[in-house]
């Protein structure tokens, strides 16, 4: 996963795209920022906060990916690389800031 690429894609997120990145160490796909936010609207993934990326991160297991593949339009995919999905409707980022703060607060609470 390329940190700069992830930051750029999330900054340019159009309000209806989910970018998933494969983490070979964890053997899972990860969604950051707005993509993580949109993912939680579709499936119940585990959500935490990435200190390195300074944004929420959703961890997706195989069943989450299968559910996304059935529920959303797949735009692009590279095995053990990435997925790009498109939501049926534009969600925007209206509730993202509040959600992100809650995720970060929960993360800090767990560590203290």
Protein backbone atom coordinates (compact mmCIF):
# COMPACT_ATOMS: atom_id res chain seq x y z
CA UNK A 1 0.00 0.00 0.00
CA UNK A 2 1.28 3.41 -0.93
CA UNK A 3 0.50 6.02 1.73
CA UNK A 4 0.58 8.98 -0.68
CA UNK A 5 -1.72 7.21 -3.15
CA UNK A 6 -4.22 6.45 -0.39
CA UNK A 7 -4.18 10.05 0.88
CA UNK A 8 -4.68 11.39 -2.64
CA UNK A 9 -7.56 9.04 -3.47
CA UNK A 10 -9.36 9.86 -0.23
CA UNK A 11 -8.86 13.60 -0.74
CA UNK A 12 -10.40 13.26 -4.22
CA UNK A 13 -13.18 10.85 -3.18
CA UNK A 14 -16.33 11.79 -5.08
CA UNK A 15 -18.81 10.87 -2.36
CA UNK A 16 -19.71 7.47 -3.70
CA UNK A 17 -16.48 5.49 -4.11
CA UNK A 18 -14.96 2.90 -1.80
CA UNK A 19 -11.25 2.22 -2.24
CA UNK A 20 -9.97 -0.96 -0.59
CA UNK A 21 -6.27 -1.78 -0.28
CA UNK A 22 -4.83 -5.22 0.45
CA UNK A 23 -2.50 -5.50 3.44
CA UNK A 24 -0.39 -8.62 2.93
CA UNK A 25 0.81 -8.69 6.56
CA UNK A 26 -2.74 -8.83 7.89
CA UNK A 27 -4.16 -10.73 4.93
CA UNK A 28 -7.09 -8.30 4.86
CA UNK A 29 -8.39 -5.41 2.81
CA UNK A 30 -8.39 -1.98 4.44
CA UNK A 31 -10.42 1.14 3.72
CA UNK A 32 -9.30 4.54 4.97
CA UNK A 33 -11.05 7.86 5.57
CA UNK A 34 -14.19 8.40 3.50
CA UNK A 35 -13.91 4.90 2.03
CA UNK A 36 -14.03 3.48 5.58
CA UNK A 37 -17.04 5.70 6.35
CA UNK A 38 -18.91 4.53 3.25
CA UNK A 39 -17.97 0.90 3.95
CA UNK A 40 -19.67 1.07 7.36
CA UNK A 41 -22.88 2.12 5.61
CA UNK A 42 -22.88 -1.11 3.61
CA UNK A 43 -21.36 -3.76 5.90
CA UNK A 44 -20.36 -4.12 9.54
CA UNK A 45 -16.59 -4.05 9.32
CA UNK A 46 -14.20 -3.55 12.23
CA UNK A 47 -13.26 0.14 12.50
CA UNK A 48 -10.23 1.63 14.20
CA UNK A 49 -8.01 4.69 13.81
CA UNK A 50 -4.73 4.75 11.89
CA UNK A 51 -2.18 6.95 13.62
CA UNK A 52 0.10 6.79 10.60
CA UNK A 53 -2.61 7.87 8.14
CA UNK A 54 -4.35 10.19 10.65
CA UNK A 55 -7.79 8.87 9.69
CA UNK A 56 -10.20 6.04 10.46
CA UNK A 57 -9.52 2.63 8.97
CA UNK A 58 -11.96 -0.22 8.33
CA UNK A 59 -10.65 -3.79 8.29
CA UNK A 60 -12.55 -6.13 6.02
CA UNK A 61 -12.59 -9.90 6.17
CA UNK A 62 -13.48 -12.17 3.28
CA UNK A 63 -17.21 -12.16 4.02
CA UNK A 64 -17.26 -8.34 3.98
CA UNK A 65 -15.68 -8.36 0.51
CA UNK A 66 -18.18 -10.94 -0.73
CA UNK A 67 -21.04 -8.81 0.59
CA UNK A 68 -19.65 -5.66 -1.08
CA UNK A 69 -19.25 -7.56 -4.36
CA UNK A 70 -22.93 -8.58 -4.20
CA UNK A 71 -24.24 -5.20 -3.08
CA UNK A 72 -22.20 -2.65 -5.04
CA UNK A 73 -20.91 -2.02 -8.52
CA UNK A 74 -17.31 -3.18 -8.84
CA UNK A 75 -15.32 -0.64 -10.86
CA UNK A 76 -11.84 -2.17 -10.73
CA UNK A 77 -10.01 -5.00 -9.00
CA UNK A 78 -6.53 -6.46 -8.77
CA UNK A 79 -6.24 -9.72 -6.82
CA UNK A 80 -4.48 -9.09 -3.49
CA UNK A 81 -3.98 -5.49 -4.54
CA UNK A 82 -7.11 -3.36 -4.44
CA UNK A 83 -10.84 -3.07 -5.09
CA UNK A 84 -12.77 -0.02 -6.19
CA UNK A 85 -16.53 -0.07 -5.61
CA UNK A 86 -19.19 2.51 -6.37
CA UNK A 87 -22.19 3.16 -4.13
CA UNK A 88 -25.58 3.32 -5.83
CA UNK A 89 -26.13 6.88 -4.60
CA UNK A 90 -23.79 9.69 -3.67
CA UNK A 91 -23.48 9.92 0.12
CA UNK A 92 -21.12 12.88 0.44
CA UNK A 93 -19.14 13.70 3.53
CA UNK A 94 -21.79 15.44 5.65
CA UNK A 95 -21.54 13.08 8.63
CA UNK A 96 -17.91 12.09 8.13
CA UNK A 97 -16.28 14.61 10.51
CA UNK A 98 -18.51 13.62 13.44
CA UNK A 99 -18.07 9.89 12.71
CA UNK A 100 -14.30 10.29 12.37
CA UNK A 101 -14.06 12.08 15.75
CA UNK A 102 -16.05 9.28 17.43
CA UNK A 103 -13.73 6.65 15.94
CA UNK A 104 -10.67 8.56 17.08
CA UNK A 105 -12.07 9.11 20.59
CA UNK A 106 -12.87 5.38 20.95
CA UNK A 107 -9.36 4.53 19.78
CA UNK A 108 -7.75 6.88 22.31
CA UNK A 109 -10.00 5.54 25.09
CA UNK A 110 -8.96 1.95 24.36
CA UNK A 111 -5.28 2.89 24.56
CA UNK A 112 -5.58 4.77 27.85
